[in-house]
Amino acid sequence: MLRFLAAFVLACLPLAVLADLSGRIQVIDGDTIDIGSERVRLFGIDAPEADQTCDRASGETWACGAWVTEQVRSRYQTRVATCVSLDTDRYGRTVARCEVDGADIGRALVSDGLAFAYRRYSMDYDLDEKAAAVNGRGLHAGRVQAPSDYRAARASAAQPSRSDCAIKGNISSRGVRIYHMPGQEHYERTRISAAKGERWFCSEPQAQAAGWRRARR
């Protein structure tokens, strides 16, 4: 709720009036920057992971994640950004909308096909992405897996399977991470979807360290 309220206020007032973070940019990847000691995840966009690959129209595979990082670095490295903090993500990063010389960084990256509108959190850049796709800009010139799907597939490949572990790490419709132990009331009917970020755990300490809490029944 706070995220949506902040986004509404931001839409009504110039960003420079609301800014609570500013400084020179150090680019980490396509959607993450450092401003001083603050790590910032750019609001409303999602860029390919640094190690992600894509397919060109010709079928050739290329390192699109590394390319996006370099493109963002060439545009914004050491430039001064003005940001409004909107949230903190589960990794402890500040989620913010940032501008350089009055231009929204997120919108520029989506418009040029270097990132995607992260519609799970915001529809602000939906039309910008559609225009980039229609015109075949940047990543839209070929085939690219949605970064969120890529992360889910990578996490699934790295996680234990049911044959290895028995604790079910479920994510509720409200985004709450709950693990179910064998014998608990909802254990048998709980289904694990790796695409949603759900996973199996081998021990309770492992589940708790990953951010899950035990089901109450």
N, C-alpha and C. Protein backbone atom coordinates (compact mmCIF):
# COMPACT_ATOMS: atom_id res chain seq x y z
N MET A 1 0.83 -1.19 0.00
CA MET A 1 0.00 0.00 0.00
C MET A 1 0.87 1.26 0.00
N LEU A 2 1.92 1.26 0.84
CA LEU A 2 2.80 2.41 0.90
C LEU A 2 3.48 2.67 -0.43
N ARG A 3 3.82 1.58 -1.16
CA ARG A 3 4.48 1.73 -2.45
C ARG A 3 3.56 2.47 -3.43
N PHE A 4 2.28 2.09 -3.45
CA PHE A 4 1.35 2.70 -4.39
C PHE A 4 1.06 4.15 -4.00
N LEU A 5 0.98 4.44 -2.69
CA LEU A 5 0.76 5.81 -2.24
C LEU A 5 1.94 6.68 -2.63
N ALA A 6 3.15 6.15 -2.45
CA ALA A 6 4.34 6.91 -2.81
C ALA A 6 4.38 7.18 -4.30
N ALA A 7 4.00 6.19 -5.09
CA ALA A 7 4.00 6.35 -6.55
C ALA A 7 2.97 7.41 -6.97
N PHE A 8 1.83 7.46 -6.27
CA PHE A 8 0.80 8.45 -6.59
C PHE A 8 1.30 9.86 -6.30
N VAL A 9 1.90 10.03 -5.12
CA VAL A 9 2.44 11.34 -4.75
C VAL A 9 3.52 11.76 -5.73
N LEU A 10 4.36 10.80 -6.11
CA LEU A 10 5.45 11.08 -7.04
C LEU A 10 4.92 11.55 -8.39
N ALA A 11 3.80 11.00 -8.80
CA ALA A 11 3.22 11.38 -10.10
C ALA A 11 2.67 12.80 -10.07
N CYS A 12 2.36 13.30 -8.87
CA CYS A 12 1.74 14.62 -8.74
C CYS A 12 2.74 15.75 -8.53
N LEU A 13 3.93 15.42 -8.07
CA LEU A 13 4.92 16.45 -7.76
C LEU A 13 6.23 16.19 -8.52
N PRO A 14 6.96 17.24 -8.86
CA PRO A 14 8.27 17.04 -9.52
C PRO A 14 9.20 16.24 -8.63
N LEU A 15 9.95 15.33 -9.23
CA LEU A 15 10.83 14.48 -8.45
C LEU A 15 11.85 15.30 -7.65
N ALA A 16 12.33 16.38 -8.22
CA ALA A 16 13.34 17.19 -7.54
C ALA A 16 12.83 17.73 -6.21
N VAL A 17 11.52 17.95 -6.10
CA VAL A 17 10.93 18.46 -4.86
C VAL A 17 10.94 17.39 -3.78
N LEU A 18 10.78 16.12 -4.18
CA LEU A 18 10.65 15.02 -3.23
C LEU A 18 11.95 14.28 -2.97
N ALA A 19 12.99 14.57 -3.73
CA ALA A 19 14.23 13.79 -3.68
C ALA A 19 14.79 13.68 -2.27
N ASP A 20 15.17 12.45 -1.90
CA ASP A 20 15.80 12.23 -0.60
C ASP A 20 17.14 11.52 -0.73
N LEU A 21 17.59 11.34 -1.97
CA LEU A 21 18.87 10.67 -2.21
C LEU A 21 19.47 11.20 -3.50
N SER A 22 20.72 11.60 -3.46
CA SER A 22 21.37 12.08 -4.67
C SER A 22 22.87 11.83 -4.58
N GLY A 23 23.51 11.76 -5.74
CA GLY A 23 24.95 11.54 -5.77
C GLY A 23 25.37 10.92 -7.08
N ARG A 24 26.66 10.64 -7.18
CA ARG A 24 27.20 10.06 -8.41
C ARG A 24 26.89 8.57 -8.49
N ILE A 25 26.61 8.14 -9.70
CA ILE A 25 26.18 6.76 -9.94
C ILE A 25 27.37 5.83 -10.17
N GLN A 26 27.30 4.69 -9.54
CA GLN A 26 28.16 3.55 -9.87
C GLN A 26 27.23 2.44 -10.33
N VAL A 27 27.36 2.02 -11.58
CA VAL A 27 26.44 1.03 -12.14
C VAL A 27 26.84 -0.37 -11.72
N ILE A 28 25.89 -1.11 -11.15
CA ILE A 28 26.11 -2.51 -10.75
C ILE A 28 25.65 -3.46 -11.85
N ASP A 29 24.44 -3.25 -12.35
CA ASP A 29 23.93 -4.01 -13.49
C ASP A 29 22.82 -3.19 -14.14
N GLY A 30 22.01 -3.83 -14.96
CA GLY A 30 21.05 -3.07 -15.76
C GLY A 30 19.97 -2.36 -14.99
N ASP A 31 19.67 -2.78 -13.75
CA ASP A 31 18.63 -2.11 -12.98
C ASP A 31 19.05 -1.80 -11.54
N THR A 32 20.34 -1.88 -11.27
CA THR A 32 20.84 -1.64 -9.92
C THR A 32 22.04 -0.71 -9.97
N ILE A 33 22.02 0.31 -9.11
CA ILE A 33 23.12 1.26 -9.05
C ILE A 33 23.49 1.52 -7.59
N ASP A 34 24.68 2.03 -7.38
CA ASP A 34 25.08 2.53 -6.08
C ASP A 34 25.15 4.04 -6.15
N ILE A 35 24.63 4.68 -5.12
CA ILE A 35 24.80 6.12 -4.95
C ILE A 35 25.46 6.31 -3.59
N GLY A 36 26.73 6.60 -3.59
CA GLY A 36 27.49 6.60 -2.35
C GLY A 36 27.50 5.20 -1.77
N SER A 37 27.11 5.06 -0.52
CA SER A 37 27.06 3.75 0.13
C SER A 37 25.71 3.07 0.00
N GLU A 38 24.78 3.71 -0.70
CA GLU A 38 23.41 3.20 -0.83
C GLU A 38 23.25 2.39 -2.11
N ARG A 39 22.81 1.14 -1.97
CA ARG A 39 22.50 0.34 -3.16
C ARG A 39 21.04 0.56 -3.54
N VAL A 40 20.81 0.89 -4.80
CA VAL A 40 19.48 1.29 -5.26
C VAL A 40 19.00 0.36 -6.36
N ARG A 41 17.82 -0.20 -6.18
CA ARG A 41 17.14 -0.98 -7.22
C ARG A 41 16.15 -0.04 -7.89
N LEU A 42 16.32 0.19 -9.19
CA LEU A 42 15.47 1.14 -9.90
C LEU A 42 14.02 0.66 -9.93
N PHE A 43 13.12 1.52 -9.53
CA PHE A 43 11.71 1.18 -9.41
C PHE A 43 11.05 0.93 -10.76
N GLY A 44 10.23 -0.12 -10.81
CA GLY A 44 9.34 -0.33 -11.96
C GLY A 44 9.96 -0.95 -13.19
N ILE A 45 11.25 -1.34 -13.12
CA ILE A 45 11.88 -1.95 -14.29
C ILE A 45 12.59 -3.25 -13.90
N ASP A 46 12.84 -4.08 -14.88
CA ASP A 46 13.56 -5.33 -14.65
C ASP A 46 14.46 -5.58 -15.86
N ALA A 47 15.75 -5.67 -15.61
CA ALA A 47 16.73 -5.87 -16.70
C ALA A 47 17.28 -7.29 -16.64
N PRO A 48 17.80 -7.81 -17.76
CA PRO A 48 18.40 -9.14 -17.75
C PRO A 48 19.51 -9.25 -16.71
N GLU A 49 19.64 -10.43 -16.14
CA GLU A 49 20.73 -10.68 -15.19
C GLU A 49 22.07 -10.60 -15.91
N ALA A 50 23.12 -10.29 -15.17
CA ALA A 50 24.44 -10.08 -15.78
C ALA A 50 24.93 -11.29 -16.57
N ASP A 51 24.55 -12.50 -16.13
CA ASP A 51 25.00 -13.71 -16.82
C ASP A 51 23.94 -14.28 -17.78
N GLN A 52 22.87 -13.54 -18.00
CA GLN A 52 21.79 -14.04 -18.85
C GLN A 52 22.15 -13.93 -20.33
N THR A 53 21.72 -14.92 -21.10
CA THR A 53 21.94 -14.89 -22.55
C THR A 53 20.59 -14.77 -23.26
N CYS A 54 20.64 -14.29 -24.49
CA CYS A 54 19.44 -14.13 -25.32
C CYS A 54 19.73 -14.70 -26.71
N ASP A 55 18.70 -14.78 -27.53
CA ASP A 55 18.85 -15.26 -28.90
C ASP A 55 18.59 -14.13 -29.88
N ARG A 56 19.50 -13.93 -30.81
CA ARG A 56 19.27 -12.95 -31.87
C ARG A 56 18.22 -13.51 -32.84
N ALA A 57 17.72 -12.66 -33.71
CA ALA A 57 16.74 -13.09 -34.70
C ALA A 57 17.31 -14.20 -35.58
N SER A 58 18.63 -14.21 -35.75
CA SER A 58 19.29 -15.23 -36.56
C SER A 58 19.42 -16.56 -35.84
N GLY A 59 19.10 -16.56 -34.53
CA GLY A 59 19.24 -17.77 -33.74
C GLY A 59 20.53 -17.83 -32.94
N GLU A 60 21.42 -16.90 -33.18
CA GLU A 60 22.69 -16.85 -32.46
C GLU A 60 22.47 -16.45 -31.00
N THR A 61 23.16 -17.13 -30.09
CA THR A 61 23.08 -16.79 -28.67
C THR A 61 24.12 -15.73 -28.35
N TRP A 62 23.73 -14.75 -27.53
CA TRP A 62 24.67 -13.70 -27.17
C TRP A 62 24.46 -13.27 -25.71
N ALA A 63 25.48 -12.67 -25.15
CA ALA A 63 25.48 -12.30 -23.72
C ALA A 63 24.73 -10.98 -23.52
N CYS A 64 23.40 -11.05 -23.58
CA CYS A 64 22.60 -9.82 -23.51
C CYS A 64 22.67 -9.15 -22.14
N GLY A 65 22.80 -9.95 -21.07
CA GLY A 65 22.87 -9.36 -19.73
C GLY A 65 24.10 -8.49 -19.55
N ALA A 66 25.25 -9.00 -19.99
CA ALA A 66 26.49 -8.23 -19.90
C ALA A 66 26.42 -7.01 -20.80
N TRP A 67 25.80 -7.16 -21.97
CA TRP A 67 25.66 -6.03 -22.90
C TRP A 67 24.83 -4.91 -22.29
N VAL A 68 23.71 -5.28 -21.66
CA VAL A 68 22.86 -4.27 -21.03
C VAL A 68 23.63 -3.54 -19.93
N THR A 69 24.35 -4.28 -19.11
CA THR A 69 25.14 -3.64 -18.05
C THR A 69 26.11 -2.63 -18.62
N GLU A 70 26.79 -2.99 -19.69
CA GLU A 70 27.75 -2.07 -20.31
C GLU A 70 27.07 -0.85 -20.92
N GLN A 71 25.89 -1.07 -21.51
CA GLN A 71 25.15 0.06 -22.08
C GLN A 71 24.72 1.05 -20.99
N VAL A 72 24.23 0.51 -19.89
CA VAL A 72 23.81 1.37 -18.78
C VAL A 72 25.02 2.08 -18.18
N ARG A 73 26.13 1.36 -18.07
CA ARG A 73 27.35 1.96 -17.52
C ARG A 73 27.85 3.10 -18.42
N SER A 74 27.80 2.90 -19.73
CA SER A 74 28.30 3.94 -20.63
C SER A 74 27.43 5.20 -20.58
N ARG A 75 26.15 5.03 -20.24
CA ARG A 75 25.24 6.17 -20.17
C ARG A 75 25.31 6.92 -18.85
N TYR A 76 25.45 6.15 -17.75
CA TYR A 76 25.20 6.78 -16.45
C TYR A 76 26.36 6.73 -15.45
N GLN A 77 27.40 5.97 -15.72
CA GLN A 77 28.49 5.87 -14.75
C GLN A 77 29.04 7.25 -14.39
N THR A 78 29.12 7.55 -13.10
CA THR A 78 29.65 8.78 -12.48
C THR A 78 28.75 10.00 -12.68
N ARG A 79 27.65 9.86 -13.40
CA ARG A 79 26.74 11.01 -13.53
C ARG A 79 25.96 11.18 -12.23
N VAL A 80 25.43 12.37 -12.00
CA VAL A 80 24.73 12.67 -10.76
C VAL A 80 23.24 12.35 -10.91
N ALA A 81 22.75 11.51 -10.00
CA ALA A 81 21.33 11.12 -10.00
C ALA A 81 20.61 11.76 -8.83
N THR A 82 19.34 12.04 -9.04
CA THR A 82 18.45 12.51 -7.99
C THR A 82 17.34 11.46 -7.85
N CYS A 83 17.12 10.95 -6.64
CA CYS A 83 16.21 9.82 -6.46
C CYS A 83 15.20 10.08 -5.34
N VAL A 84 14.06 9.41 -5.49
CA VAL A 84 13.05 9.36 -4.43
C VAL A 84 12.90 7.91 -3.99
N SER A 85 13.14 7.64 -2.72
CA SER A 85 13.03 6.29 -2.20
C SER A 85 11.56 5.92 -2.03
N LEU A 86 11.20 4.72 -2.50
CA LEU A 86 9.81 4.27 -2.44
C LEU A 86 9.61 3.06 -1.56
N ASP A 87 10.66 2.25 -1.40
CA ASP A 87 10.50 0.99 -0.67
C ASP A 87 11.88 0.41 -0.38
N THR A 88 11.91 -0.70 0.34
CA THR A 88 13.13 -1.49 0.53
C THR A 88 12.82 -2.91 0.14
N ASP A 89 13.64 -3.52 -0.73
CA ASP A 89 13.32 -4.88 -1.17
C ASP A 89 13.87 -5.92 -0.19
N ARG A 90 13.63 -7.19 -0.49
CA ARG A 90 13.99 -8.25 0.45
C ARG A 90 15.49 -8.45 0.57
N TYR A 91 16.26 -7.82 -0.31
CA TYR A 91 17.71 -7.89 -0.20
C TYR A 91 18.28 -6.68 0.54
N GLY A 92 17.41 -5.82 1.03
CA GLY A 92 17.86 -4.65 1.77
C GLY A 92 18.21 -3.47 0.89
N ARG A 93 17.94 -3.56 -0.41
CA ARG A 93 18.24 -2.45 -1.31
C ARG A 93 17.12 -1.42 -1.28
N THR A 94 17.49 -0.16 -1.44
CA THR A 94 16.50 0.90 -1.57
C THR A 94 15.88 0.84 -2.96
N VAL A 95 14.56 0.79 -3.03
CA VAL A 95 13.86 0.83 -4.31
C VAL A 95 13.49 2.29 -4.56
N ALA A 96 13.95 2.85 -5.67
CA ALA A 96 13.77 4.28 -5.90
C ALA A 96 13.57 4.59 -7.37
N ARG A 97 12.90 5.71 -7.60
CA ARG A 97 12.83 6.27 -8.94
C ARG A 97 13.91 7.33 -9.03
N CYS A 98 14.72 7.27 -10.07
CA CYS A 98 15.87 8.17 -10.18
C CYS A 98 15.87 8.93 -11.51
N GLU A 99 16.40 10.13 -11.47
CA GLU A 99 16.54 10.96 -12.66
C GLU A 99 17.99 11.44 -12.80
N VAL A 100 18.37 11.64 -14.05
CA VAL A 100 19.63 12.32 -14.38
C VAL A 100 19.28 13.46 -15.33
N ASP A 101 19.65 14.66 -14.96
CA ASP A 101 19.31 15.86 -15.76
C ASP A 101 17.82 15.95 -16.04
N GLY A 102 17.01 15.56 -15.06
CA GLY A 102 15.56 15.67 -15.19
C GLY A 102 14.89 14.57 -15.97
N ALA A 103 15.66 13.59 -16.47
CA ALA A 103 15.09 12.48 -17.25
C ALA A 103 15.06 11.21 -16.41
N ASP A 104 13.92 10.55 -16.38
CA ASP A 104 13.71 9.32 -15.61
C ASP A 104 14.58 8.20 -16.19
N ILE A 105 15.49 7.67 -15.36
CA ILE A 105 16.40 6.60 -15.82
C ILE A 105 15.61 5.36 -16.23
N GLY A 106 14.67 4.95 -15.39
CA GLY A 106 13.88 3.75 -15.69
C GLY A 106 13.15 3.86 -17.01
N ARG A 107 12.51 5.00 -17.25
CA ARG A 107 11.77 5.19 -18.49
C ARG A 107 12.71 5.15 -19.70
N ALA A 108 13.87 5.77 -19.57
CA ALA A 108 14.82 5.78 -20.68
C ALA A 108 15.29 4.38 -21.01
N LEU A 109 15.57 3.57 -20.00
CA LEU A 109 16.06 2.21 -20.23
C LEU A 109 14.99 1.34 -20.87
N VAL A 110 13.76 1.46 -20.41
CA VAL A 110 12.66 0.67 -21.00
C VAL A 110 12.38 1.14 -22.42
N SER A 111 12.38 2.45 -22.64
CA SER A 111 12.09 2.99 -23.97
C SER A 111 13.10 2.56 -25.01
N ASP A 112 14.36 2.37 -24.59
CA ASP A 112 15.42 1.99 -25.52
C ASP A 112 15.65 0.49 -25.56
N GLY A 113 14.78 -0.28 -24.91
CA GLY A 113 14.88 -1.74 -24.98
C GLY A 113 16.01 -2.33 -24.18
N LEU A 114 16.44 -1.64 -23.13
CA LEU A 114 17.51 -2.15 -22.27
C LEU A 114 16.96 -2.78 -21.00
N ALA A 115 15.68 -2.61 -20.75
CA ALA A 115 15.02 -3.19 -19.58
C ALA A 115 13.54 -3.35 -19.91
N PHE A 116 12.84 -4.05 -19.03
CA PHE A 116 11.41 -4.31 -19.22
C PHE A 116 10.61 -3.63 -18.13
N ALA A 117 9.37 -3.30 -18.43
CA ALA A 117 8.46 -2.79 -17.40
C ALA A 117 8.20 -3.93 -16.42
N TYR A 118 8.44 -3.68 -15.15
CA TYR A 118 8.24 -4.71 -14.12
C TYR A 118 6.80 -4.60 -13.63
N ARG A 119 5.87 -5.15 -14.42
CA ARG A 119 4.44 -4.94 -14.20
C ARG A 119 3.94 -5.53 -12.90
N ARG A 120 4.70 -6.44 -12.33
CA ARG A 120 4.32 -6.99 -11.03
C ARG A 120 4.27 -5.89 -9.97
N TYR A 121 5.08 -4.83 -10.17
CA TYR A 121 5.16 -3.76 -9.18
C TYR A 121 4.64 -2.42 -9.69
N SER A 122 4.62 -2.22 -10.98
CA SER A 122 4.20 -0.92 -11.51
C SER A 122 3.84 -1.04 -12.99
N MET A 123 2.84 -0.28 -13.41
CA MET A 123 2.48 -0.20 -14.82
C MET A 123 2.99 1.10 -15.45
N ASP A 124 3.82 1.82 -14.73
CA ASP A 124 4.27 3.14 -15.20
C ASP A 124 4.94 3.10 -16.57
N TYR A 125 5.67 2.02 -16.85
CA TYR A 125 6.45 1.96 -18.08
C TYR A 125 5.89 0.98 -19.10
N ASP A 126 4.64 0.60 -18.90
CA ASP A 126 4.01 -0.38 -19.79
C ASP A 126 4.01 0.08 -21.24
N LEU A 127 3.57 1.28 -21.50
CA LEU A 127 3.49 1.78 -22.88
C LEU A 127 4.88 2.02 -23.48
N ASP A 128 5.84 2.37 -22.63
CA ASP A 128 7.21 2.56 -23.11
C ASP A 128 7.78 1.24 -23.62
N GLU A 129 7.50 0.15 -22.90
CA GLU A 129 7.99 -1.15 -23.35
C GLU A 129 7.30 -1.58 -24.64
N LYS A 130 6.00 -1.35 -24.72
CA LYS A 130 5.27 -1.75 -25.93
C LYS A 130 5.79 -1.00 -27.15
N ALA A 131 6.11 0.28 -26.99
CA ALA A 131 6.66 1.05 -28.11
C ALA A 131 8.03 0.51 -28.51
N ALA A 132 8.84 0.15 -27.51
CA ALA A 132 10.17 -0.41 -27.81
C ALA A 132 10.05 -1.75 -28.54
N ALA A 133 9.07 -2.56 -28.12
CA ALA A 133 8.87 -3.87 -28.76
C ALA A 133 8.41 -3.72 -30.21
N VAL A 134 7.46 -2.81 -30.44
CA VAL A 134 6.94 -2.58 -31.79
C VAL A 134 8.05 -2.13 -32.74
N ASN A 135 8.98 -1.35 -32.21
CA ASN A 135 10.05 -0.80 -33.04
C ASN A 135 11.34 -1.64 -32.99
N GLY A 136 11.29 -2.77 -32.30
CA GLY A 136 12.44 -3.67 -32.27
C GLY A 136 13.69 -3.07 -31.67
N ARG A 137 13.54 -2.23 -30.64
CA ARG A 137 14.70 -1.59 -30.03
C ARG A 137 15.39 -2.51 -29.04
N GLY A 138 16.71 -2.45 -29.02
CA GLY A 138 17.49 -3.16 -28.01
C GLY A 138 17.19 -4.64 -27.95
N LEU A 139 16.81 -5.11 -26.76
CA LEU A 139 16.53 -6.52 -26.53
C LEU A 139 15.38 -7.04 -27.39
N HIS A 140 14.49 -6.16 -27.80
CA HIS A 140 13.32 -6.58 -28.57
C HIS A 140 13.66 -6.94 -30.02
N ALA A 141 14.91 -6.75 -30.41
CA ALA A 141 15.32 -7.13 -31.76
C ALA A 141 15.48 -8.65 -31.88
N GLY A 142 15.53 -9.33 -30.75
CA GLY A 142 15.66 -10.78 -30.76
C GLY A 142 14.69 -11.42 -29.78
N ARG A 143 15.10 -12.53 -29.21
CA ARG A 143 14.26 -13.23 -28.24
C ARG A 143 14.97 -13.24 -26.90
N VAL A 144 14.25 -12.85 -25.86
CA VAL A 144 14.82 -12.81 -24.52
C VAL A 144 13.80 -13.33 -23.51
N GLN A 145 14.28 -14.14 -22.61
CA GLN A 145 13.43 -14.64 -21.53
C GLN A 145 13.23 -13.53 -20.50
N ALA A 146 12.02 -13.38 -20.00
CA ALA A 146 11.77 -12.38 -18.96
C ALA A 146 12.76 -12.61 -17.82
N PRO A 147 13.42 -11.56 -17.34
CA PRO A 147 14.40 -11.74 -16.27
C PRO A 147 13.85 -12.48 -15.05
N SER A 148 12.60 -12.21 -14.69
CA SER A 148 12.02 -12.91 -13.53
C SER A 148 11.90 -14.40 -13.78
N ASP A 149 11.56 -14.79 -15.03
CA ASP A 149 11.49 -16.22 -15.37
C ASP A 149 12.88 -16.84 -15.36
N TYR A 150 13.87 -16.09 -15.84
CA TYR A 150 15.24 -16.59 -15.84
C TYR A 150 15.72 -16.84 -14.40
N ARG A 151 15.43 -15.90 -13.51
CA ARG A 151 15.86 -16.07 -12.11
C ARG A 151 15.17 -17.27 -11.47
N ALA A 152 13.88 -17.43 -11.76
CA ALA A 152 13.13 -18.55 -11.19
C ALA A 152 13.69 -19.88 -11.68
N ALA A 153 14.01 -19.95 -12.98
CA ALA A 153 14.55 -21.19 -13.55
C ALA A 153 15.93 -21.50 -12.97
N ARG A 154 16.73 -20.46 -12.80
CA ARG A 154 18.07 -20.64 -12.23
C ARG A 154 17.99 -21.09 -10.78
N ALA A 155 17.06 -20.49 -10.03
CA ALA A 155 16.90 -20.87 -8.63
C ALA A 155 16.40 -22.29 -8.50
N SER A 156 15.48 -22.66 -9.41
CA SER A 156 14.94 -24.02 -9.38
C SER A 156 16.02 -25.05 -9.64
N ALA A 157 16.89 -24.74 -10.59
CA ALA A 157 17.96 -25.69 -10.92
C ALA A 157 18.94 -25.85 -9.77
N ALA A 158 19.06 -24.80 -8.95
CA ALA A 158 20.03 -24.83 -7.85
C ALA A 158 19.44 -25.39 -6.56
N GLN A 159 18.11 -25.53 -6.52
CA GLN A 159 17.46 -25.93 -5.28
C GLN A 159 17.29 -27.45 -5.19
N PRO A 160 17.20 -27.96 -3.96
CA PRO A 160 16.97 -29.39 -3.79
C PRO A 160 15.62 -29.79 -4.37
N SER A 161 15.52 -31.00 -4.84
CA SER A 161 14.25 -31.51 -5.33
C SER A 161 13.54 -32.25 -4.21
N ARG A 162 12.32 -32.69 -4.46
CA ARG A 162 11.57 -33.42 -3.45
C ARG A 162 12.33 -34.67 -3.02
N SER A 163 13.03 -35.31 -3.95
CA SER A 163 13.74 -36.54 -3.61
C SER A 163 14.85 -36.30 -2.61
N ASP A 164 15.33 -35.05 -2.53
CA ASP A 164 16.42 -34.72 -1.62
C ASP A 164 15.91 -34.24 -0.26
N CYS A 165 14.82 -33.44 -0.28
CA CYS A 165 14.36 -32.76 0.93
C CYS A 165 12.83 -32.83 1.04
N ALA A 166 12.32 -32.68 2.27
CA ALA A 166 10.89 -32.91 2.49
C ALA A 166 10.12 -31.68 2.94
N ILE A 167 10.78 -30.59 3.28
CA ILE A 167 10.08 -29.41 3.78
C ILE A 167 9.64 -28.56 2.59
N LYS A 168 8.36 -28.17 2.58
CA LYS A 168 7.79 -27.43 1.46
C LYS A 168 7.79 -25.93 1.76
N GLY A 169 8.51 -25.17 0.94
CA GLY A 169 8.54 -23.72 1.07
C GLY A 169 7.54 -23.09 0.13
N ASN A 170 6.41 -22.69 0.67
CA ASN A 170 5.30 -22.16 -0.12
C ASN A 170 5.25 -20.63 0.00
N ILE A 171 4.73 -19.95 -1.05
CA ILE A 171 4.53 -18.50 -1.00
C ILE A 171 3.03 -18.24 -1.15
N SER A 172 2.44 -17.59 -0.15
CA SER A 172 1.00 -17.36 -0.15
C SER A 172 0.61 -16.32 -1.19
N SER A 173 -0.70 -16.15 -1.40
CA SER A 173 -1.20 -15.17 -2.36
C SER A 173 -0.83 -13.75 -1.96
N ARG A 174 -0.50 -13.54 -0.69
CA ARG A 174 -0.08 -12.22 -0.21
C ARG A 174 1.44 -12.06 -0.20
N GLY A 175 2.14 -13.08 -0.70
CA GLY A 175 3.59 -13.00 -0.77
C GLY A 175 4.31 -13.44 0.49
N VAL A 176 3.58 -14.05 1.44
CA VAL A 176 4.19 -14.50 2.69
C VAL A 176 4.85 -15.85 2.46
N ARG A 177 6.10 -15.99 2.89
CA ARG A 177 6.85 -17.23 2.73
C ARG A 177 6.64 -18.12 3.95
N ILE A 178 6.02 -19.28 3.72
CA ILE A 178 5.66 -20.20 4.80
C ILE A 178 6.17 -21.59 4.43
N TYR A 179 6.80 -22.27 5.40
CA TYR A 179 7.21 -23.64 5.11
C TYR A 179 6.36 -24.63 5.91
N HIS A 180 6.09 -25.77 5.28
CA HIS A 180 5.24 -26.80 5.86
C HIS A 180 6.08 -28.06 6.13
N MET A 181 5.98 -28.55 7.34
CA MET A 181 6.70 -29.77 7.73
C MET A 181 5.84 -31.00 7.46
N PRO A 182 6.46 -32.14 7.15
CA PRO A 182 5.68 -33.37 7.03
C PRO A 182 4.84 -33.60 8.29
N GLY A 183 3.56 -33.93 8.08
CA GLY A 183 2.68 -34.16 9.21
C GLY A 183 1.82 -32.97 9.58
N GLN A 184 2.18 -31.75 9.09
CA GLN A 184 1.35 -30.59 9.39
C GLN A 184 0.07 -30.63 8.56
N GLU A 185 -0.91 -29.87 9.00
CA GLU A 185 -2.27 -29.95 8.44
C GLU A 185 -2.33 -29.75 6.93
N HIS A 186 -1.60 -28.78 6.42
CA HIS A 186 -1.71 -28.46 4.99
C HIS A 186 -0.55 -29.01 4.16
N TYR A 187 0.25 -29.87 4.74
CA TYR A 187 1.44 -30.35 4.03
C TYR A 187 1.10 -31.09 2.75
N GLU A 188 0.20 -32.05 2.82
CA GLU A 188 -0.07 -32.91 1.67
C GLU A 188 -0.67 -32.15 0.49
N ARG A 189 -1.51 -31.15 0.76
CA ARG A 189 -2.16 -30.44 -0.33
C ARG A 189 -1.35 -29.24 -0.83
N THR A 190 -0.24 -28.95 -0.19
CA THR A 190 0.62 -27.84 -0.63
C THR A 190 1.43 -28.27 -1.85
N ARG A 191 1.38 -27.50 -2.91
CA ARG A 191 2.13 -27.78 -4.13
C ARG A 191 3.23 -26.74 -4.29
N ILE A 192 4.38 -27.18 -4.76
CA ILE A 192 5.53 -26.29 -4.91
C ILE A 192 5.70 -25.90 -6.38
N SER A 193 5.72 -24.59 -6.64
CA SER A 193 5.92 -24.06 -7.99
C SER A 193 7.23 -23.28 -8.04
N ALA A 194 8.23 -23.86 -8.69
CA ALA A 194 9.52 -23.18 -8.79
C ALA A 194 9.41 -21.87 -9.55
N ALA A 195 8.47 -21.79 -10.50
CA ALA A 195 8.29 -20.57 -11.29
C ALA A 195 7.86 -19.40 -10.43
N LYS A 196 7.21 -19.68 -9.30
CA LYS A 196 6.77 -18.63 -8.38
C LYS A 196 7.82 -18.33 -7.32
N GLY A 197 8.93 -19.06 -7.35
CA GLY A 197 9.97 -18.86 -6.35
C GLY A 197 9.85 -19.79 -5.16
N GLU A 198 8.89 -20.73 -5.22
CA GLU A 198 8.74 -21.69 -4.14
C GLU A 198 9.82 -22.77 -4.24
N ARG A 199 10.09 -23.46 -3.11
CA ARG A 199 11.19 -24.42 -3.12
C ARG A 199 11.08 -25.42 -1.98
N TRP A 200 11.94 -26.44 -2.06
CA TRP A 200 12.04 -27.45 -1.01
C TRP A 200 13.23 -27.11 -0.10
N PHE A 201 13.08 -27.47 1.18
CA PHE A 201 14.17 -27.27 2.13
C PHE A 201 14.51 -28.60 2.82
N CYS A 202 15.76 -28.72 3.21
CA CYS A 202 16.20 -29.94 3.86
C CYS A 202 16.15 -29.84 5.39
N SER A 203 16.08 -28.62 5.91
CA SER A 203 16.03 -28.44 7.36
C SER A 203 15.31 -27.14 7.70
N GLU A 204 14.81 -27.04 8.91
CA GLU A 204 14.16 -25.81 9.35
C GLU A 204 15.12 -24.63 9.39
N PRO A 205 16.35 -24.79 9.91
CA PRO A 205 17.28 -23.66 9.90
C PRO A 205 17.55 -23.13 8.49
N GLN A 206 17.60 -24.03 7.51
CA GLN A 206 17.81 -23.61 6.12
C GLN A 206 16.63 -22.78 5.64
N ALA A 207 15.40 -23.22 5.95
CA ALA A 207 14.20 -22.50 5.54
C ALA A 207 14.14 -21.13 6.20
N GLN A 208 14.44 -21.08 7.49
CA GLN A 208 14.38 -19.82 8.24
C GLN A 208 15.45 -18.84 7.76
N ALA A 209 16.63 -19.35 7.45
CA ALA A 209 17.71 -18.49 6.96
C ALA A 209 17.36 -17.88 5.61
N ALA A 210 16.53 -18.59 4.83
CA ALA A 210 16.13 -18.09 3.50
C ALA A 210 14.94 -17.13 3.58
N GLY A 211 14.38 -16.94 4.79
CA GLY A 211 13.30 -15.98 4.94
C GLY A 211 11.90 -16.58 5.07
N TRP A 212 11.81 -17.89 5.22
CA TRP A 212 10.51 -18.53 5.40
C TRP A 212 10.21 -18.70 6.89
N ARG A 213 8.94 -18.70 7.25
CA ARG A 213 8.52 -19.02 8.62
C ARG A 213 7.69 -20.28 8.62
N ARG A 214 7.66 -20.96 9.78
CA ARG A 214 6.93 -22.21 9.88
C ARG A 214 5.42 -21.99 9.87
N ALA A 215 4.70 -22.86 9.19
CA ALA A 215 3.24 -22.81 9.20
C ALA A 215 2.73 -23.03 10.61
N ARG A 216 1.66 -22.35 10.98
CA ARG A 216 1.16 -22.45 12.35
C ARG A 216 0.46 -23.78 12.62
N ARG A 217 -0.04 -24.42 11.55
CA ARG A 217 -0.72 -25.72 11.76
C ARG A 217 -0.17 -26.75 10.78
